[in-house]
Structures are given as C-alpha cells and as structure tokens.
C-alpha cells in the first residue's frame, strides 16, 4: 500500500541536522505489532519466537542476567560473576575486571529494593536489576526492565550504514557516542564496557549481527555459548587471542 504523503511521519527537522543523519525505524510496524510498547517478558516483537520461554516470569532485563544466577537464589555474588565470565571464555584478568565493574557498581542500586544498608558481600539482586539501569544506553530496556522493540530497531536504522543487519566496531562506537547524555561519565563508562564485552564475545567477520544481539539482550546467547564450549565444539565467534586470550574458541579450564 502506498503511504499517503499527508500521513507520513516527519522524523527530521531542518534546523537540527543530526535528525537527518540518524533516522529512526519507521517501517517496523509492518512486522512488529505495536513496536513502541515495551514487552514484559520477551525481547522480540513476535512473542512466539523467543528462545527463553522457560523464563517468562522474568522481565527481559532479568533474563539478560540469569546466566549468572545458576542456583536461582535471586542473588549474583562476585564469584557468580567471575564464574559466568570464565564459562563464556574470558580469561582470568578480564573476568576479575568484570567482577569489579559489575558487583562494585551495581550491587548497591539493586540492594536498595531491600535495604538502604550496603551489602557487604556485594551481591546483585535479580528481582531489582531494573534499578541498575544507567544512562547513555540504547534505551532497549525501559526503566522497569522491559524490552522496547522500537529502540532496538532504531540502533540499526540509525547506525547500520550499509543496511546489512549488522554493526561494525566503528558503527558501535558512533552509537555509543550518539547515546551519550551530558554529564554522565558513569553511563559512558558502563556503556563502553558493555559494548566492548559484547564485541569481544559475539563479533563475526568484524560485525555484530542483529540476531546475535537479540540473544544477548534476552540472555539466550550466553547459554548457547556455554553449551558449545562444554561440548568441546567451541564457540567460533568473538575476538579470541589464542590460548587464554580475552575470548577463546575452546573451553578454558
């Protein structure tokens, strides 16, 4: 059906040039129903396609971190964080760095749902992970931990310049820069760590593909990587440096 000119949404402004450079995804309502409505338990528009059906009692943001809560006690200890990153193939140094960044910075925000007293064991609480949402992010998770398809699709509409359904490292960097909020150094740092970690884990042929990134948002890809490494087949994506590099294709003991 030909779109009526008068019904076409205006997404650019003459006196703000960046609106012409970063165009939002205005086309996705043809295959995602109500893309602007945040999903409460899936990270794709078509709820039948989610690979995390066993976790439908959790929000997408909770699903994103359940890989690190193996005993399902609702708490992610520093050791849980370390073990999870090791299971994904990261070396000891990077896994320890992840503990410092994640548990030291996100324990107290999630603790506030339970007590104003800081947790001496620096646990991250799964039920209140929404409190750990930071600024300068993609907006794909809303303030309650739901998933917003429109924001996810906007990442590719705005920054995937060759429209191949994937983002190069330069495009990722441009996205991080474009999402920066003023006076938000913590958000800048958190976004940088998250996206660099994602790049090291899932890049393929120098790009991060949309389907893989969806698996990161709902956490399903973490389980897939662990299964591949435990089976001995190894994980073929990511930026491995050989041996005990950042991410290896074989299981690291």
C-alpha atoms as a PDB file:
ATOM      1  CA  UNK A   1       0.000   0.000   0.000  1.00  0.00           C
ATOM      2  CA  UNK A   2       1.348   3.412  -0.968  1.00  0.00           C
ATOM      3  CA  UNK A   3       1.757   5.677   2.021  1.00  0.00           C
ATOM      4  CA  UNK A   4      -0.283   8.844   1.860  1.00  0.00           C
ATOM      5  CA  UNK A   5       2.009  11.878   1.869  1.00  0.00           C
ATOM      6  CA  UNK A   6      -0.036  13.695   4.492  1.00  0.00           C
ATOM      7  CA  UNK A   7       0.039  10.637   6.776  1.00  0.00           C
ATOM      8  CA  UNK A   8       3.805  10.241   6.595  1.00  0.00           C
ATOM      9  CA  UNK A   9       5.533  10.858   9.908  1.00  0.00           C
ATOM     10  CA  UNK A  10       8.116  13.617   9.975  1.00  0.00           C
ATOM     11  CA  UNK A  11      11.345  12.414  11.588  1.00  0.00           C
ATOM     12  CA  UNK A  12      13.699  15.202  10.506  1.00  0.00           C
ATOM     13  CA  UNK A  13      13.998  18.859  11.379  1.00  0.00           C
ATOM     14  CA  UNK A  14      15.643  21.390   9.069  1.00  0.00           C
ATOM     15  CA  UNK A  15      17.413  23.194  11.907  1.00  0.00           C
ATOM     16  CA  UNK A  16      18.741  20.018  13.559  1.00  0.00           C
ATOM     17  CA  UNK A  17      20.985  18.220  11.064  1.00  0.00           C
ATOM     18  CA  UNK A  18      21.531  15.156  13.247  1.00  0.00           C
ATOM     19  CA  UNK A  19      17.888  14.177  12.772  1.00  0.00           C
ATOM     20  CA  UNK A  20      18.636  13.652   9.083  1.00  0.00           C
ATOM     21  CA  UNK A  21      21.741  11.586   9.851  1.00  0.00           C
ATOM     22  CA  UNK A  22      20.117   9.278  12.436  1.00  0.00           C
ATOM     23  CA  UNK A  23      16.769   8.148  11.101  1.00  0.00           C
ATOM     24  CA  UNK A  24      14.571   6.057  13.433  1.00  0.00           C
ATOM     25  CA  UNK A  25      12.993   2.808  12.253  1.00  0.00           C
ATOM     26  CA  UNK A  26       9.661   3.972  10.827  1.00  0.00           C
ATOM     27  CA  UNK A  27       8.986   0.730   8.958  1.00  0.00           C
ATOM     28  CA  UNK A  28       8.909  -1.956  11.652  1.00  0.00           C
ATOM     29  CA  UNK A  29       5.194  -1.794  12.407  1.00  0.00           C
ATOM     30  CA  UNK A  30       4.787  -3.885   9.241  1.00  0.00           C
ATOM     31  CA  UNK A  31       6.288  -6.897  11.030  1.00  0.00           C
ATOM     32  CA  UNK A  32       6.212  -5.998  14.733  1.00  0.00           C
ATOM     33  CA  UNK A  33       2.890  -5.160  16.305  1.00  0.00           C
ATOM     34  CA  UNK A  34       2.997  -2.024  18.476  1.00  0.00           C
ATOM     35  CA  UNK A  35       6.808  -1.713  18.377  1.00  0.00           C
ATOM     36  CA  UNK A  36       6.795   1.193  20.796  1.00  0.00           C
ATOM     37  CA  UNK A  37       5.102  -0.840  23.535  1.00  0.00           C
ATOM     38  CA  UNK A  38       7.633  -2.302  25.956  1.00  0.00           C
ATOM     39  CA  UNK A  39       7.499  -6.113  26.200  1.00  0.00           C
ATOM     40  CA  UNK A  40       7.340  -7.543  29.680  1.00  0.00           C
ATOM     41  CA  UNK A  41       8.975 -10.940  29.098  1.00  0.00           C
ATOM     42  CA  UNK A  42      10.406 -11.190  25.570  1.00  0.00           C
ATOM     43  CA  UNK A  43      12.944  -9.248  23.515  1.00  0.00           C
ATOM     44  CA  UNK A  44      11.384  -9.678  20.078  1.00  0.00           C
ATOM     45  CA  UNK A  45       8.185  -8.379  18.592  1.00  0.00           C
ATOM     46  CA  UNK A  46       6.933 -11.865  17.738  1.00  0.00           C
ATOM     47  CA  UNK A  47       6.453 -13.470  21.155  1.00  0.00           C
ATOM     48  CA  UNK A  48       6.313 -16.955  19.622  1.00  0.00           C
ATOM     49  CA  UNK A  49       9.947 -16.749  18.518  1.00  0.00           C
ATOM     50  CA  UNK A  50      11.580 -16.158  21.891  1.00  0.00           C
ATOM     51  CA  UNK A  51      14.067 -18.815  22.975  1.00  0.00           C
ATOM     52  CA  UNK A  52      13.612 -18.014  26.681  1.00  0.00           C
ATOM     53  CA  UNK A  53      10.106 -19.383  27.198  1.00  0.00           C
ATOM     54  CA  UNK A  54      11.134 -21.073  30.451  1.00  0.00           C
ATOM     55  CA  UNK A  55      11.846 -17.632  31.907  1.00  0.00           C
ATOM     56  CA  UNK A  56       8.576 -15.887  31.072  1.00  0.00           C
ATOM     57  CA  UNK A  57       8.053 -14.992  34.733  1.00  0.00           C
ATOM     58  CA  UNK A  58      11.077 -12.710  34.447  1.00  0.00           C
ATOM     59  CA  UNK A  59      11.496  -9.418  32.616  1.00  0.00           C
ATOM     60  CA  UNK A  60      13.876  -9.298  29.632  1.00  0.00           C
ATOM     61  CA  UNK A  61      16.424  -7.417  31.762  1.00  0.00           C
ATOM     62  CA  UNK A  62      16.264 -10.202  34.356  1.00  0.00           C
ATOM     63  CA  UNK A  63      16.576 -12.826  31.610  1.00  0.00           C
ATOM     64  CA  UNK A  64      19.677 -10.974  30.459  1.00  0.00           C
ATOM     65  CA  UNK A  65      21.474 -11.738  33.751  1.00  0.00           C
ATOM     66  CA  UNK A  66      20.006 -15.103  34.810  1.00  0.00           C
ATOM     67  CA  UNK A  67      23.015 -16.853  33.272  1.00  0.00           C
ATOM     68  CA  UNK A  68      24.978 -15.634  36.296  1.00  0.00           C
ATOM     69  CA  UNK A  69      22.366 -16.842  38.811  1.00  0.00           C
ATOM     70  CA  UNK A  70      22.740 -20.574  38.289  1.00  0.00           C
ATOM     71  CA  UNK A  71      21.296 -21.621  41.674  1.00  0.00           C
ATOM     72  CA  UNK A  72      18.271 -19.351  41.194  1.00  0.00           C
ATOM     73  CA  UNK A  73      18.569 -17.783  44.632  1.00  0.00           C
ATOM     74  CA  UNK A  74      17.954 -14.363  43.115  1.00  0.00           C
ATOM     75  CA  UNK A  75      21.423 -13.094  44.032  1.00  0.00           C
ATOM     76  CA  UNK A  76      24.553 -12.815  41.922  1.00  0.00           C
ATOM     77  CA  UNK A  77      27.656 -13.000  44.096  1.00  0.00           C
ATOM     78  CA  UNK A  78      31.060 -11.772  42.879  1.00  0.00           C
ATOM     79  CA  UNK A  79      32.096 -15.404  42.436  1.00  0.00           C
ATOM     80  CA  UNK A  80      28.995 -15.989  40.282  1.00  0.00           C
ATOM     81  CA  UNK A  81      30.036 -13.115  38.039  1.00  0.00           C
ATOM     82  CA  UNK A  82      33.583 -14.417  37.782  1.00  0.00           C
ATOM     83  CA  UNK A  83      32.475 -17.979  37.037  1.00  0.00           C
ATOM     84  CA  UNK A  84      29.976 -16.842  34.417  1.00  0.00           C
ATOM     85  CA  UNK A  85      32.544 -14.834  32.504  1.00  0.00           C
ATOM     86  CA  UNK A  86      35.007 -17.711  32.661  1.00  0.00           C
ATOM     87  CA  UNK A  87      32.331 -20.046  31.294  1.00  0.00           C
ATOM     88  CA  UNK A  88      31.898 -17.646  28.380  1.00  0.00           C
ATOM     89  CA  UNK A  89      35.604 -17.929  27.626  1.00  0.00           C
ATOM     90  CA  UNK A  90      37.011 -14.736  29.100  1.00  0.00           C
ATOM     91  CA  UNK A  91      40.390 -15.014  30.768  1.00  0.00           C
ATOM     92  CA  UNK A  92      41.021 -14.623  34.497  1.00  0.00           C
ATOM     93  CA  UNK A  93      42.041 -10.962  34.301  1.00  0.00           C
ATOM     94  CA  UNK A  94      39.029  -9.870  32.264  1.00  0.00           C
ATOM     95  CA  UNK A  95      36.668 -11.926  34.462  1.00  0.00           C
ATOM     96  CA  UNK A  96      38.093 -10.286  37.585  1.00  0.00           C
ATOM     97  CA  UNK A  97      37.691  -6.866  35.964  1.00  0.00           C
ATOM     98  CA  UNK A  98      34.054  -7.738  35.238  1.00  0.00           C
ATOM     99  CA  UNK A  99      33.530  -8.522  38.932  1.00  0.00           C
ATOM    100  CA  UNK A 100      34.930  -5.135  39.945  1.00  0.00           C
ATOM    101  CA  UNK A 101      32.820  -3.245  37.429  1.00  0.00           C
ATOM    102  CA  UNK A 102      29.556  -5.153  37.871  1.00  0.00           C
ATOM    103  CA  UNK A 103      29.370  -6.080  41.536  1.00  0.00           C
ATOM    104  CA  UNK A 104      31.010  -2.968  42.962  1.00  0.00           C
ATOM    105  CA  UNK A 105      28.851  -0.616  40.899  1.00  0.00           C
ATOM    106  CA  UNK A 106      25.513  -2.415  40.639  1.00  0.00           C
ATOM    107  CA  UNK A 107      25.205  -4.143  43.993  1.00  0.00           C
ATOM    108  CA  UNK A 108      24.008  -1.116  45.938  1.00  0.00           C
ATOM    109  CA  UNK A 109      21.424   0.125  43.405  1.00  0.00           C
ATOM    110  CA  UNK A 110      19.754  -3.299  43.357  1.00  0.00           C
ATOM    111  CA  UNK A 111      20.174  -3.614  47.137  1.00  0.00           C
ATOM    112  CA  UNK A 112      18.037  -0.501  47.647  1.00  0.00           C
ATOM    113  CA  UNK A 113      14.903  -2.518  46.904  1.00  0.00           C
ATOM    114  CA  UNK A 114      15.657  -4.473  50.073  1.00  0.00           C
ATOM    115  CA  UNK A 115      17.638  -2.193  52.385  1.00  0.00           C
ATOM    116  CA  UNK A 116      19.466   1.122  52.473  1.00  0.00           C
ATOM    117  CA  UNK A 117      22.412  -0.666  54.090  1.00  0.00           C
ATOM    118  CA  UNK A 118      25.051  -1.645  51.501  1.00  0.00           C
ATOM    119  CA  UNK A 119      25.572  -5.358  51.032  1.00  0.00           C
ATOM    120  CA  UNK A 120      28.975  -6.368  52.451  1.00  0.00           C
ATOM    121  CA  UNK A 121      29.026  -9.331  50.053  1.00  0.00           C
ATOM    122  CA  UNK A 122      28.385  -7.090  47.017  1.00  0.00           C
ATOM    123  CA  UNK A 123      25.556  -9.199  45.653  1.00  0.00           C
ATOM    124  CA  UNK A 124      23.485  -8.049  42.667  1.00  0.00           C
ATOM    125  CA  UNK A 125      19.779  -8.710  43.222  1.00  0.00           C
ATOM    126  CA  UNK A 126      17.896 -10.168  40.261  1.00  0.00           C
ATOM    127  CA  UNK A 127      14.428  -9.004  41.324  1.00  0.00           C
ATOM    128  CA  UNK A 128      15.510  -5.354  41.346  1.00  0.00           C
ATOM    129  CA  UNK A 129      18.005  -5.326  38.482  1.00  0.00           C
ATOM    130  CA  UNK A 130      15.941  -2.549  36.884  1.00  0.00           C
ATOM    131  CA  UNK A 131      17.464  -0.224  39.486  1.00  0.00           C
ATOM    132  CA  UNK A 132      20.849  -0.833  37.855  1.00  0.00           C
ATOM    133  CA  UNK A 133      19.748   0.705  34.539  1.00  0.00           C
ATOM    134  CA  UNK A 134      22.178   3.504  33.693  1.00  0.00           C
ATOM    135  CA  UNK A 135      22.138   6.498  31.417  1.00  0.00           C
ATOM    136  CA  UNK A 136      23.699   6.846  27.963  1.00  0.00           C
ATOM    137  CA  UNK A 137      22.422   3.422  26.930  1.00  0.00           C
ATOM    138  CA  UNK A 138      20.450   2.281  23.884  1.00  0.00           C
ATOM    139  CA  UNK A 139      17.062   2.527  25.590  1.00  0.00           C
ATOM    140  CA  UNK A 140      16.203  -1.041  24.542  1.00  0.00           C
ATOM    141  CA  UNK A 141      15.430  -1.740  28.208  1.00  0.00           C
ATOM    142  CA  UNK A 142      12.983   0.650  29.835  1.00  0.00           C
ATOM    143  CA  UNK A 143      13.145   1.839  33.450  1.00  0.00           C
ATOM    144  CA  UNK A 144      11.345  -1.278  34.678  1.00  0.00           C
ATOM    145  CA  UNK A 145      13.437  -3.752  32.688  1.00  0.00           C
ATOM    146  CA  UNK A 146      11.010  -4.346  29.841  1.00  0.00           C
ATOM    147  CA  UNK A 147      12.232  -4.572  26.239  1.00  0.00           C
ATOM    148  CA  UNK A 148      11.340  -1.878  23.694  1.00  0.00           C
ATOM    149  CA  UNK A 149      11.458  -3.239  20.106  1.00  0.00           C
ATOM    150  CA  UNK A 150      11.417   0.262  18.625  1.00  0.00           C
ATOM    151  CA  UNK A 151      14.598   1.261  20.470  1.00  0.00           C
ATOM    152  CA  UNK A 152      16.338  -1.954  19.433  1.00  0.00           C
ATOM    153  CA  UNK A 153      15.440  -1.466  15.763  1.00  0.00           C
ATOM    154  CA  UNK A 154      16.467   2.185  15.967  1.00  0.00           C
ATOM    155  CA  UNK A 155      20.042   1.107  16.724  1.00  0.00           C
ATOM    156  CA  UNK A 156      20.313  -0.454  13.292  1.00  0.00           C
ATOM    157  CA  UNK A 157      18.221   2.141  11.485  1.00  0.00           C
ATOM    158  CA  UNK A 158      20.427   4.940  12.796  1.00  0.00           C
ATOM    159  CA  UNK A 159      23.868   3.360  12.714  1.00  0.00           C
ATOM    160  CA  UNK A 160      23.877   0.402  10.291  1.00  0.00           C
ATOM    161  CA  UNK A 161      25.035   2.485   7.343  1.00  0.00           C
ATOM    162  CA  UNK A 162      25.233  -0.307   4.772  1.00  0.00           C
ATOM    163  CA  UNK A 163      21.922  -1.822   5.917  1.00  0.00           C
ATOM    164  CA  UNK A 164      23.255  -5.375   6.214  1.00  0.00           C
ATOM    165  CA  UNK A 165      21.657  -6.073   9.607  1.00  0.00           C
ATOM    166  CA  UNK A 166      24.968  -5.775  11.442  1.00  0.00           C
ATOM    167  CA  UNK A 167      27.115  -3.158  13.177  1.00  0.00           C
ATOM    168  CA  UNK A 168      30.855  -2.723  12.710  1.00  0.00           C
ATOM    169  CA  UNK A 169      33.024  -1.622  15.632  1.00  0.00           C
ATOM    170  CA  UNK A 170      33.100   1.904  14.199  1.00  0.00           C
ATOM    171  CA  UNK A 171      29.319   1.926  13.986  1.00  0.00           C
ATOM    172  CA  UNK A 172      29.125   0.692  17.580  1.00  0.00           C
ATOM    173  CA  UNK A 173      31.451   3.493  18.649  1.00  0.00           C
ATOM    174  CA  UNK A 174      29.313   6.023  16.788  1.00  0.00           C
ATOM    175  CA  UNK A 175      26.240   4.616  18.556  1.00  0.00           C
ATOM    176  CA  UNK A 176      27.885   4.904  21.973  1.00  0.00           C
ATOM    177  CA  UNK A 177      28.824   8.481  21.146  1.00  0.00           C
ATOM    178  CA  UNK A 178      25.318   9.248  19.876  1.00  0.00           C
ATOM    179  CA  UNK A 179      23.669   7.861  23.021  1.00  0.00           C
ATOM    180  CA  UNK A 180      25.783   9.851  25.453  1.00  0.00           C
ATOM    181  CA  UNK A 181      23.890  12.012  27.902  1.00  0.00           C
ATOM    182  CA  UNK A 182      25.506  15.189  29.203  1.00  0.00           C
ATOM    183  CA  UNK A 183      27.426  14.976  32.496  1.00  0.00           C
ATOM    184  CA  UNK A 184      27.052  11.192  32.698  1.00  0.00           C
ATOM    185  CA  UNK A 185      30.591   9.749  32.960  1.00  0.00           C
ATOM    186  CA  UNK A 186      29.333   6.638  34.771  1.00  0.00           C
ATOM    187  CA  UNK A 187      26.864   5.902  31.983  1.00  0.00           C
ATOM    188  CA  UNK A 188      29.541   6.466  29.352  1.00  0.00           C
ATOM    189  CA  UNK A 189      31.873   4.025  31.085  1.00  0.00           C
ATOM    190  CA  UNK A 190      29.181   1.411  31.683  1.00  0.00           C
ATOM    191  CA  UNK A 191      28.059   1.557  28.047  1.00  0.00           C
ATOM    192  CA  UNK A 192      31.658   1.269  26.843  1.00  0.00           C
ATOM    193  CA  UNK A 193      32.291  -1.821  28.997  1.00  0.00           C
ATOM    194  CA  UNK A 194      29.044  -3.468  27.912  1.00  0.00           C
ATOM    195  CA  UNK A 195      29.543  -2.909  24.193  1.00  0.00           C
ATOM    196  CA  UNK A 196      33.232  -3.805  24.148  1.00  0.00           C
ATOM    197  CA  UNK A 197      32.412  -7.008  26.061  1.00  0.00           C
ATOM    198  CA  UNK A 198      29.643  -7.768  23.574  1.00  0.00           C
ATOM    199  CA  UNK A 199      32.030  -7.169  20.683  1.00  0.00           C
ATOM    200  CA  UNK A 200      34.666  -9.469  22.163  1.00  0.00           C
ATOM    201  CA  UNK A 201      32.044 -12.159  22.674  1.00  0.00           C
ATOM    202  CA  UNK A 202      29.923 -12.256  19.515  1.00  0.00           C
ATOM    203  CA  UNK A 203      31.572 -10.347  16.662  1.00  0.00           C
ATOM    204  CA  UNK A 204      31.731 -12.301  13.435  1.00  0.00           C
ATOM    205  CA  UNK A 205      33.674 -11.097  10.412  1.00  0.00           C
ATOM    206  CA  UNK A 206      34.179  -7.792  12.177  1.00  0.00           C
ATOM    207  CA  UNK A 207      30.483  -7.176  12.815  1.00  0.00           C
ATOM    208  CA  UNK A 208      27.776  -7.721  15.430  1.00  0.00           C
ATOM    209  CA  UNK A 209      24.664  -9.192  13.823  1.00  0.00           C
ATOM    210  CA  UNK A 210      21.110  -8.359  14.874  1.00  0.00           C
ATOM    211  CA  UNK A 211      20.044 -11.940  15.684  1.00  0.00           C
ATOM    212  CA  UNK A 212      23.092 -12.461  17.910  1.00  0.00           C
ATOM    213  CA  UNK A 213      22.474  -9.165  19.659  1.00  0.00           C
ATOM    214  CA  UNK A 214      18.882 -10.154  20.407  1.00  0.00           C
ATOM    215  CA  UNK A 215      20.313 -13.253  22.065  1.00  0.00           C
ATOM    216  CA  UNK A 216      22.478 -11.042  24.255  1.00  0.00           C
ATOM    217  CA  UNK A 217      19.540  -8.925  25.343  1.00  0.00           C
ATOM    218  CA  UNK A 218      17.455 -11.923  26.466  1.00  0.00           C
ATOM    219  CA  UNK A 219      20.486 -13.880  27.682  1.00  0.00           C
ATOM    220  CA  UNK A 220      19.829 -16.902  25.464  1.00  0.00           C
ATOM    221  CA  UNK A 221      23.131 -16.496  23.636  1.00  0.00           C
ATOM    222  CA  UNK A 222      25.104 -16.906  26.883  1.00  0.00           C
ATOM    223  CA  UNK A 223      23.605 -20.359  27.409  1.00  0.00           C
ATOM    224  CA  UNK A 224      24.307 -21.197  23.767  1.00  0.00           C
ATOM    225  CA  UNK A 225      27.965 -20.225  24.127  1.00  0.00           C
ATOM    226  CA  UNK A 226      28.427 -22.251  27.303  1.00  0.00           C
ATOM    227  CA  UNK A 227      26.808 -25.284  25.711  1.00  0.00           C
ATOM    228  CA  UNK A 228      29.083 -25.012  22.676  1.00  0.00           C
ATOM    229  CA  UNK A 229      32.197 -24.708  24.809  1.00  0.00           C
ATOM    230  CA  UNK A 230      31.189 -27.526  27.192  1.00  0.00           C
ATOM    231  CA  UNK A 231      30.513 -29.833  24.244  1.00  0.00           C
ATOM    232  CA  UNK A 232      34.082 -29.411  23.023  1.00  0.00           C
ATOM    233  CA  UNK A 233      32.993 -27.835  19.753  1.00  0.00           C
ATOM    234  CA  UNK A 234      33.975 -24.402  20.984  1.00  0.00           C
ATOM    235  CA  UNK A 235      32.493 -21.003  20.233  1.00  0.00           C
ATOM    236  CA  UNK A 236      33.511 -19.828  16.780  1.00  0.00           C
ATOM    237  CA  UNK A 237      32.659 -16.144  17.200  1.00  0.00           C
ATOM    238  CA  UNK A 238      34.237 -13.421  19.263  1.00  0.00           C
ATOM    239  CA  UNK A 239      37.706 -11.944  19.348  1.00  0.00           C
ATOM    240  CA  UNK A 240      39.930 -14.718  20.667  1.00  0.00           C
ATOM    241  CA  UNK A 241      43.640 -14.055  21.014  1.00  0.00           C
ATOM    242  CA  UNK A 242      44.544 -17.705  21.276  1.00  0.00           C
ATOM    243  CA  UNK A 243      45.255 -19.702  24.418  1.00  0.00           C
ATOM    244  CA  UNK A 244      43.904 -17.826  27.407  1.00  0.00           C
ATOM    245  CA  UNK A 245      43.055 -14.670  25.495  1.00  0.00           C
ATOM    246  CA  UNK A 246      40.026 -12.473  26.036  1.00  0.00           C
ATOM    247  CA  UNK A 247      37.682 -14.992  24.423  1.00  0.00           C
ATOM    248  CA  UNK A 248      38.733 -18.374  23.086  1.00  0.00           C
ATOM    249  CA  UNK A 249      37.014 -20.876  20.830  1.00  0.00           C
ATOM    250  CA  UNK A 250      37.698 -23.732  23.223  1.00  0.00           C
ATOM    251  CA  UNK A 251      36.847 -24.249  26.856  1.00  0.00           C
ATOM    252  CA  UNK A 252      39.251 -22.587  29.276  1.00  0.00           C
ATOM    253  CA  UNK A 253      39.877 -24.660  32.392  1.00  0.00           C
END
